[in-house]
Amino acid sequence: MTGGRHMGKTNRGKIVLSKIFTLSNKIQIVGDRLETGITIKQFQLLETLSKNDPASMTITELSEALGSSRQNIKKMALLLEKQNYLVLSKDDTDGRIVRVALTEEGKNSLQQQAESDKEFINQLFDGFDDKLLKNMSKGFDKLSKNILLMEEKTNNPDVSQETIKPL
């Protein structure tokens, strides 16, 4: 690979990364303006719990599933608990573990928000054909795998650079 090609890929990568951050922030702002009573991140937390329902999830499991810190998840969960959307409880076998479960009110709220969520998604991806969405999804899957490899390297400094290569 020549230096020029690599530099082009690096510059394109910087542009894409910048756009991901910018779009993520804008999507969150627009989503939070919806008249749902909760933020888009809170909605994601409730939706993640609903996919696991009736079983509860730990704060750690939620943080891994949502790609957020345990502290942010706990803060969000406490706010949602005050709104009676979920309940936090100590694990039966390990009191240090906090478990999170949806309440009936949380389930009802998700059902009520399903229509506005559908409208939001349709507006967000207006003009996108199925092929473009599939390609974007594949690209994000590849990016996720690369991030996982990078996380493994930073969590295990004994792993050599040659062992971990981007996909």
Foldseek 3Di string as FASTA:
>chain_A
DDPVVVVVVVVVVVVVVVVVVVVVVVLQVVQQPPPLPDGPLLLVLLVVQVVVPPDWAWLVVSCVVSVHDSVVSVVSQVVVVVVVQKDWDADPVDRVIITIHGDVVNVVSNVVCPVVVVVSVCVVCPPPDPVNVVVVVVVVVLVVVLVVLVVVCVVPVVDDPVNGDRD
